[in-house]
Each structure stands twice: as C-alpha cells, then as structure tokens.
Amino acid sequence: MKDEISRVLTLVEEGKIDKEKASELISILQGKDQPEIVTIKKEALYGTKMLKVRVTSEQGDNVNVNLPINLVKAVLKVGTNIAEKIPEAEKYVKDINVDLLIEAIENELDGEIVNITSANGDKVYVVIE
C-alpha cells in the first residue's frame, strides 16, 4: 500500500492529478486494507430463533417441541382465524389474544415466557432462544 500511495504523491508532484483527487485515491487505498464490515439485519437473526416448549411430568410423560419463530408467527395469524370458524375449536381460541402474541414476536421477545410447576411436580417451560 505504501508504494501505491507514493505513486499517487508522485502524480501530484508531476501535476498529473490535483490534491483533491490524490486525497480521494489515498482514502480508497487505505480503505482497501480495512476489514469489510458485514451487517446482519436484526430480523434475520431473530428469524432463526426457536420457540421451545418443554413439559416434564412426574409419571415420565415428557414433551419437547421446537418450532421456528417464523412458523409460529404464520400459524398464529392463519390458524386462529381458521380455528374460530370450527365450532369444536372455537372455545379453545376465543380467549387467546393473538395480536398480543404476534406483537411480542415482532418486538423480538426473547428468553423464558412460561415457567410453571404444578402441585404434583409437573413442569412446563416455554422459551424463545
């Protein structure tokens, strides 16, 4: 890089380029050796998160569910509308505030969401990580 900058300065001395152009060229040359900064959109990172549901019971009945957060968001939007139209399912979704859940996802809620231990020792954990 020193040789290239010397050539630019020589071009200035010879009157072949002006100081402004030399300054621009030197800045470009100095930037060439700088590591390239890679930016990753925040939403792209959050989109790789998983909603994890863990249920463990004293009787050994265990549940482990891992769902991509983008899938959860899509299912919440579409699934609730469908479930509301099915008489048998309507009672299960009528009290769920889906907009609040979607807002939490869009605001990139992270970490433990639910942590329940029942009187008989059953445990339920819901986490986004």
N, C-alpha and C. Protein backbone atom coordinates (compact mmCIF):
# COMPACT_ATOMS: atom_id res chain seq x y z
N MET A 1 0.83 -1.19 0.00
CA MET A 1 0.00 0.00 0.00
C MET A 1 0.88 1.26 0.00
N LYS A 2 2.03 1.20 0.66
CA LYS A 2 2.92 2.37 0.70
C LYS A 2 3.38 2.75 -0.70
N ASP A 3 3.66 1.73 -1.52
CA ASP A 3 4.10 2.00 -2.90
C ASP A 3 3.00 2.70 -3.70
N GLU A 4 1.78 2.26 -3.51
CA GLU A 4 0.66 2.85 -4.24
C GLU A 4 0.45 4.30 -3.83
N ILE A 5 0.58 4.58 -2.53
CA ILE A 5 0.42 5.95 -2.05
C ILE A 5 1.56 6.82 -2.58
N SER A 6 2.75 6.26 -2.62
CA SER A 6 3.90 7.01 -3.17
C SER A 6 3.66 7.36 -4.64
N ARG A 7 3.07 6.43 -5.40
CA ARG A 7 2.77 6.70 -6.81
C ARG A 7 1.75 7.83 -6.94
N VAL A 8 0.76 7.85 -6.06
CA VAL A 8 -0.24 8.91 -6.10
C VAL A 8 0.43 10.25 -5.80
N LEU A 9 1.30 10.29 -4.80
CA LEU A 9 2.01 11.53 -4.46
C LEU A 9 2.91 11.98 -5.61
N THR A 10 3.52 11.03 -6.29
CA THR A 10 4.36 11.37 -7.45
C THR A 10 3.51 11.99 -8.55
N LEU A 11 2.29 11.46 -8.75
CA LEU A 11 1.39 12.02 -9.76
C LEU A 11 1.02 13.46 -9.42
N VAL A 12 0.89 13.76 -8.12
CA VAL A 12 0.60 15.14 -7.69
C VAL A 12 1.80 16.02 -8.00
N GLU A 13 3.02 15.56 -7.68
CA GLU A 13 4.24 16.34 -7.93
C GLU A 13 4.42 16.62 -9.42
N GLU A 14 4.04 15.64 -10.24
CA GLU A 14 4.18 15.80 -11.68
C GLU A 14 3.05 16.64 -12.28
N GLY A 15 2.05 16.98 -11.45
CA GLY A 15 0.94 17.80 -11.91
C GLY A 15 -0.09 17.02 -12.73
N LYS A 16 -0.05 15.72 -12.68
CA LYS A 16 -0.98 14.90 -13.45
C LYS A 16 -2.34 14.77 -12.78
N ILE A 17 -2.39 14.90 -11.44
CA ILE A 17 -3.66 14.93 -10.70
C ILE A 17 -3.58 16.03 -9.65
N ASP A 18 -4.75 16.53 -9.24
CA ASP A 18 -4.76 17.57 -8.21
C ASP A 18 -4.83 16.95 -6.81
N LYS A 19 -4.71 17.82 -5.79
CA LYS A 19 -4.67 17.34 -4.40
C LYS A 19 -5.97 16.64 -4.00
N GLU A 20 -7.10 17.15 -4.47
CA GLU A 20 -8.39 16.54 -4.12
C GLU A 20 -8.48 15.11 -4.63
N LYS A 21 -8.06 14.94 -5.90
CA LYS A 21 -8.10 13.60 -6.50
C LYS A 21 -7.12 12.68 -5.77
N ALA A 22 -5.97 13.21 -5.39
CA ALA A 22 -4.98 12.41 -4.66
C ALA A 22 -5.53 11.98 -3.31
N SER A 23 -6.19 12.90 -2.63
CA SER A 23 -6.77 12.59 -1.34
C SER A 23 -7.82 11.48 -1.47
N GLU A 24 -8.64 11.58 -2.51
CA GLU A 24 -9.66 10.56 -2.76
C GLU A 24 -9.02 9.19 -3.03
N LEU A 25 -7.98 9.18 -3.86
CA LEU A 25 -7.30 7.92 -4.18
C LEU A 25 -6.63 7.30 -2.95
N ILE A 26 -6.02 8.13 -2.14
CA ILE A 26 -5.35 7.63 -0.93
C ILE A 26 -6.38 7.06 0.04
N SER A 27 -7.51 7.74 0.17
CA SER A 27 -8.58 7.22 1.04
C SER A 27 -9.05 5.86 0.56
N ILE A 28 -9.21 5.73 -0.75
CA ILE A 28 -9.63 4.44 -1.31
C ILE A 28 -8.58 3.37 -1.04
N LEU A 29 -7.32 3.73 -1.23
CA LEU A 29 -6.24 2.76 -1.00
C LEU A 29 -6.17 2.34 0.47
N GLN A 30 -6.35 3.28 1.37
CA GLN A 30 -6.32 2.96 2.79
C GLN A 30 -7.51 2.11 3.19
N GLY A 31 -8.65 2.35 2.60
CA GLY A 31 -9.84 1.58 2.90
C GLY A 31 -9.75 0.16 2.37
N LYS A 32 -8.92 -0.06 1.36
CA LYS A 32 -8.77 -1.37 0.75
C LYS A 32 -8.24 -2.40 1.74
N ASP A 33 -7.39 -1.96 2.66
CA ASP A 33 -6.80 -2.88 3.63
C ASP A 33 -7.67 -3.05 4.88
N GLN A 34 -8.74 -2.29 4.97
CA GLN A 34 -9.61 -2.40 6.13
C GLN A 34 -10.50 -3.63 5.99
N PRO A 35 -10.77 -4.32 7.10
CA PRO A 35 -11.67 -5.46 7.01
C PRO A 35 -13.06 -4.99 6.61
N GLU A 36 -13.71 -5.78 5.79
CA GLU A 36 -15.06 -5.44 5.34
C GLU A 36 -16.03 -5.67 6.49
N ILE A 37 -16.86 -4.67 6.74
CA ILE A 37 -17.85 -4.78 7.81
C ILE A 37 -19.11 -5.40 7.23
N VAL A 38 -19.51 -6.49 7.83
CA VAL A 38 -20.71 -7.18 7.39
C VAL A 38 -21.81 -6.89 8.39
N THR A 39 -22.93 -6.40 7.90
CA THR A 39 -24.06 -6.15 8.78
C THR A 39 -25.14 -7.19 8.53
N ILE A 40 -25.70 -7.66 9.60
CA ILE A 40 -26.77 -8.64 9.51
C ILE A 40 -28.01 -7.99 10.08
N LYS A 41 -29.08 -8.04 9.33
CA LYS A 41 -30.31 -7.45 9.81
C LYS A 41 -30.75 -8.15 11.08
N LYS A 42 -31.21 -7.35 12.01
CA LYS A 42 -31.66 -7.88 13.29
C LYS A 42 -32.78 -8.90 13.10
N GLU A 43 -33.69 -8.59 12.19
CA GLU A 43 -34.81 -9.51 11.98
C GLU A 43 -34.35 -10.84 11.42
N ALA A 44 -33.25 -10.82 10.65
CA ALA A 44 -32.74 -12.08 10.11
C ALA A 44 -32.25 -12.97 11.25
N LEU A 45 -31.60 -12.36 12.24
CA LEU A 45 -31.14 -13.15 13.38
C LEU A 45 -32.31 -13.67 14.19
N TYR A 46 -33.28 -12.81 14.44
CA TYR A 46 -34.42 -13.23 15.26
C TYR A 46 -35.21 -14.31 14.55
N GLY A 47 -35.26 -14.26 13.23
CA GLY A 47 -35.97 -15.27 12.46
C GLY A 47 -35.40 -16.66 12.60
N THR A 48 -34.17 -16.76 13.07
CA THR A 48 -33.56 -18.08 13.27
C THR A 48 -33.84 -18.64 14.66
N LYS A 49 -34.52 -17.87 15.48
CA LYS A 49 -34.83 -18.32 16.85
C LYS A 49 -35.89 -19.41 16.82
N MET A 50 -35.97 -20.14 17.93
CA MET A 50 -36.93 -21.23 18.07
C MET A 50 -37.80 -20.99 19.29
N LEU A 51 -39.07 -21.37 19.17
CA LEU A 51 -39.96 -21.42 20.31
C LEU A 51 -39.86 -22.85 20.83
N LYS A 52 -39.43 -22.98 22.07
CA LYS A 52 -39.22 -24.31 22.66
C LYS A 52 -40.22 -24.52 23.79
N VAL A 53 -40.93 -25.62 23.71
CA VAL A 53 -41.89 -25.98 24.74
C VAL A 53 -41.40 -27.28 25.37
N ARG A 54 -41.26 -27.27 26.70
CA ARG A 54 -40.79 -28.45 27.44
C ARG A 54 -41.80 -28.76 28.53
N VAL A 55 -42.30 -29.98 28.53
CA VAL A 55 -43.21 -30.44 29.57
C VAL A 55 -42.62 -31.72 30.14
N THR A 56 -42.45 -31.74 31.46
CA THR A 56 -41.98 -32.95 32.13
C THR A 56 -42.96 -33.27 33.25
N SER A 57 -43.34 -34.53 33.32
CA SER A 57 -44.28 -34.93 34.37
C SER A 57 -43.62 -35.93 35.31
N GLU A 58 -44.17 -36.03 36.47
CA GLU A 58 -43.67 -36.97 37.47
C GLU A 58 -43.83 -38.42 37.00
N GLN A 59 -44.79 -38.66 36.11
CA GLN A 59 -45.02 -40.01 35.61
C GLN A 59 -44.11 -40.34 34.42
N GLY A 60 -43.26 -39.43 34.04
CA GLY A 60 -42.33 -39.67 32.94
C GLY A 60 -42.87 -39.30 31.57
N ASP A 61 -44.02 -38.66 31.52
CA ASP A 61 -44.57 -38.19 30.25
C ASP A 61 -43.90 -36.86 29.92
N ASN A 62 -43.02 -36.87 28.93
CA ASN A 62 -42.26 -35.67 28.58
C ASN A 62 -42.58 -35.23 27.16
N VAL A 63 -42.59 -33.92 26.97
CA VAL A 63 -42.84 -33.33 25.66
C VAL A 63 -41.73 -32.32 25.38
N ASN A 64 -41.14 -32.42 24.19
CA ASN A 64 -40.15 -31.45 23.73
C ASN A 64 -40.55 -31.01 22.33
N VAL A 65 -40.89 -29.74 22.18
CA VAL A 65 -41.30 -29.21 20.89
C VAL A 65 -40.42 -28.02 20.56
N ASN A 66 -39.86 -28.01 19.34
CA ASN A 66 -39.07 -26.89 18.84
C ASN A 66 -39.71 -26.39 17.56
N LEU A 67 -40.11 -25.13 17.56
CA LEU A 67 -40.75 -24.54 16.38
C LEU A 67 -40.01 -23.28 15.97
N PRO A 68 -39.69 -23.15 14.67
CA PRO A 68 -39.09 -21.89 14.21
C PRO A 68 -40.04 -20.73 14.49
N ILE A 69 -39.50 -19.63 14.95
CA ILE A 69 -40.32 -18.49 15.36
C ILE A 69 -41.13 -17.94 14.19
N ASN A 70 -40.60 -17.99 12.98
CA ASN A 70 -41.35 -17.51 11.82
C ASN A 70 -42.56 -18.40 11.54
N LEU A 71 -42.44 -19.68 11.80
CA LEU A 71 -43.57 -20.60 11.65
C LEU A 71 -44.65 -20.28 12.69
N VAL A 72 -44.23 -20.03 13.91
CA VAL A 72 -45.17 -19.71 14.98
C VAL A 72 -45.97 -18.47 14.60
N LYS A 73 -45.29 -17.46 14.10
CA LYS A 73 -45.96 -16.22 13.72
C LYS A 73 -46.98 -16.48 12.61
N ALA A 74 -46.60 -17.24 11.60
CA ALA A 74 -47.51 -17.53 10.49
C ALA A 74 -48.72 -18.33 10.96
N VAL A 75 -48.47 -19.33 11.81
CA VAL A 75 -49.57 -20.17 12.29
C VAL A 75 -50.52 -19.36 13.17
N LEU A 76 -49.98 -18.47 13.98
CA LEU A 76 -50.84 -17.63 14.82
C LEU A 76 -51.77 -16.78 13.97
N LYS A 77 -51.23 -16.22 12.89
CA LYS A 77 -52.04 -15.36 12.04
C LYS A 77 -53.13 -16.14 11.31
N VAL A 78 -52.76 -17.26 10.74
CA VAL A 78 -53.70 -18.03 9.92
C VAL A 78 -54.53 -18.99 10.76
N GLY A 79 -53.88 -19.71 11.64
CA GLY A 79 -54.54 -20.77 12.40
C GLY A 79 -55.67 -20.32 13.28
N THR A 80 -55.52 -19.17 13.90
CA THR A 80 -56.57 -18.69 14.79
C THR A 80 -57.84 -18.35 14.02
N ASN A 81 -57.68 -17.73 12.86
CA ASN A 81 -58.85 -17.42 12.04
C ASN A 81 -59.58 -18.68 11.62
N ILE A 82 -58.85 -19.72 11.30
CA ILE A 82 -59.46 -20.99 10.91
C ILE A 82 -60.14 -21.63 12.11
N ALA A 83 -59.45 -21.66 13.24
CA ALA A 83 -59.99 -22.31 14.44
C ALA A 83 -61.27 -21.64 14.92
N GLU A 84 -61.37 -20.32 14.76
CA GLU A 84 -62.57 -19.61 15.19
C GLU A 84 -63.80 -20.04 14.40
N LYS A 85 -63.60 -20.56 13.20
CA LYS A 85 -64.71 -20.96 12.34
C LYS A 85 -65.12 -22.42 12.54
N ILE A 86 -64.36 -23.14 13.34
CA ILE A 86 -64.68 -24.54 13.62
C ILE A 86 -65.34 -24.60 15.00
N PRO A 87 -66.60 -25.02 15.06
CA PRO A 87 -67.34 -24.97 16.34
C PRO A 87 -66.62 -25.69 17.49
N GLU A 88 -66.01 -26.84 17.23
CA GLU A 88 -65.34 -27.59 18.30
C GLU A 88 -64.08 -26.88 18.80
N ALA A 89 -63.43 -26.12 17.94
CA ALA A 89 -62.17 -25.46 18.29
C ALA A 89 -62.36 -24.04 18.80
N GLU A 90 -63.50 -23.46 18.49
CA GLU A 90 -63.74 -22.06 18.84
C GLU A 90 -63.55 -21.78 20.33
N LYS A 91 -64.00 -22.70 21.17
CA LYS A 91 -63.91 -22.48 22.62
C LYS A 91 -62.46 -22.43 23.11
N TYR A 92 -61.54 -23.06 22.37
CA TYR A 92 -60.14 -23.08 22.79
C TYR A 92 -59.39 -21.81 22.40
N VAL A 93 -59.84 -21.12 21.38
CA VAL A 93 -59.11 -19.94 20.91
C VAL A 93 -59.81 -18.63 21.21
N LYS A 94 -61.04 -18.67 21.71
CA LYS A 94 -61.80 -17.43 21.89
C LYS A 94 -61.16 -16.47 22.89
N ASP A 95 -60.43 -16.99 23.89
CA ASP A 95 -59.84 -16.13 24.91
C ASP A 95 -58.35 -15.84 24.67
N ILE A 96 -57.82 -16.28 23.55
CA ILE A 96 -56.40 -16.05 23.25
C ILE A 96 -56.26 -14.72 22.50
N ASN A 97 -55.42 -13.87 23.01
CA ASN A 97 -55.15 -12.59 22.36
C ASN A 97 -53.98 -12.78 21.39
N VAL A 98 -54.31 -13.18 20.18
CA VAL A 98 -53.30 -13.48 19.17
C VAL A 98 -52.51 -12.24 18.79
N ASP A 99 -53.17 -11.09 18.74
CA ASP A 99 -52.46 -9.85 18.40
C ASP A 99 -51.36 -9.55 19.40
N LEU A 100 -51.61 -9.83 20.66
CA LEU A 100 -50.60 -9.62 21.70
C LEU A 100 -49.41 -10.57 21.50
N LEU A 101 -49.69 -11.81 21.15
CA LEU A 101 -48.62 -12.78 20.90
C LEU A 101 -47.79 -12.38 19.68
N ILE A 102 -48.46 -11.98 18.61
CA ILE A 102 -47.75 -11.56 17.40
C ILE A 102 -46.93 -10.30 17.68
N GLU A 103 -47.48 -9.38 18.45
CA GLU A 103 -46.74 -8.17 18.81
C GLU A 103 -45.48 -8.52 19.61
N ALA A 104 -45.57 -9.49 20.49
CA ALA A 104 -44.40 -9.92 21.27
C ALA A 104 -43.34 -10.48 20.34
N ILE A 105 -43.76 -11.26 19.35
CA ILE A 105 -42.80 -11.82 18.40
C ILE A 105 -42.18 -10.71 17.56
N GLU A 106 -42.99 -9.80 17.08
CA GLU A 106 -42.47 -8.70 16.25
C GLU A 106 -41.56 -7.77 17.04
N ASN A 107 -41.75 -7.69 18.35
CA ASN A 107 -40.87 -6.90 19.20
C ASN A 107 -39.69 -7.73 19.70
N GLU A 108 -39.55 -8.90 19.12
CA GLU A 108 -38.42 -9.80 19.36
C GLU A 108 -38.28 -10.20 20.82
N LEU A 109 -39.40 -10.62 21.39
CA LEU A 109 -39.39 -11.18 22.73
C LEU A 109 -38.39 -12.33 22.76
N ASP A 110 -37.60 -12.40 23.78
CA ASP A 110 -36.57 -13.42 23.86
C ASP A 110 -36.47 -13.92 25.29
N GLY A 111 -36.17 -15.20 25.44
CA GLY A 111 -35.98 -15.77 26.76
C GLY A 111 -37.18 -16.57 27.21
N GLU A 112 -37.26 -16.77 28.52
CA GLU A 112 -38.32 -17.59 29.11
C GLU A 112 -39.65 -16.84 29.10
N ILE A 113 -40.67 -17.53 28.61
CA ILE A 113 -42.00 -16.93 28.55
C ILE A 113 -42.89 -17.53 29.62
N VAL A 114 -42.82 -18.84 29.78
CA VAL A 114 -43.66 -19.55 30.75
C VAL A 114 -42.78 -20.48 31.56
N ASN A 115 -43.02 -20.53 32.87
CA ASN A 115 -42.33 -21.46 33.76
C ASN A 115 -43.33 -21.85 34.84
N ILE A 116 -43.89 -23.05 34.70
CA ILE A 116 -44.94 -23.50 35.62
C ILE A 116 -44.51 -24.81 36.27
N THR A 117 -44.70 -24.91 37.56
CA THR A 117 -44.53 -26.18 38.27
C THR A 117 -45.83 -26.43 39.03
N SER A 118 -46.48 -27.56 38.70
CA SER A 118 -47.75 -27.87 39.35
C SER A 118 -47.52 -28.49 40.72
N ALA A 119 -48.59 -28.61 41.48
CA ALA A 119 -48.51 -29.18 42.83
C ALA A 119 -48.01 -30.62 42.80
N ASN A 120 -48.30 -31.36 41.74
CA ASN A 120 -47.85 -32.76 41.68
C ASN A 120 -46.47 -32.90 41.03
N GLY A 121 -45.79 -31.77 40.73
CA GLY A 121 -44.43 -31.82 40.23
C GLY A 121 -44.27 -31.73 38.72
N ASP A 122 -45.37 -31.63 37.99
CA ASP A 122 -45.28 -31.47 36.55
C ASP A 122 -44.73 -30.07 36.24
N LYS A 123 -43.91 -29.99 35.18
CA LYS A 123 -43.28 -28.70 34.84
C LYS A 123 -43.53 -28.37 33.38
N VAL A 124 -43.77 -27.10 33.13
CA VAL A 124 -43.96 -26.60 31.77
C VAL A 124 -43.06 -25.38 31.59
N TYR A 125 -42.25 -25.40 30.52
CA TYR A 125 -41.37 -24.27 30.17
C TYR A 125 -41.63 -23.91 28.72
N VAL A 126 -41.75 -22.63 28.46
CA VAL A 126 -41.83 -22.12 27.10
C VAL A 126 -40.78 -21.03 26.98
N VAL A 127 -39.89 -21.21 25.99
CA VAL A 127 -38.72 -20.31 25.85
C VAL A 127 -38.54 -19.99 24.39
N ILE A 128 -38.11 -18.76 24.09
CA ILE A 128 -37.64 -18.40 22.75
C ILE A 128 -36.13 -18.22 22.85
N GLU A 129 -35.42 -19.02 22.06
CA GLU A 129 -33.95 -18.88 22.02
C GLU A 129 -33.40 -19.30 20.70
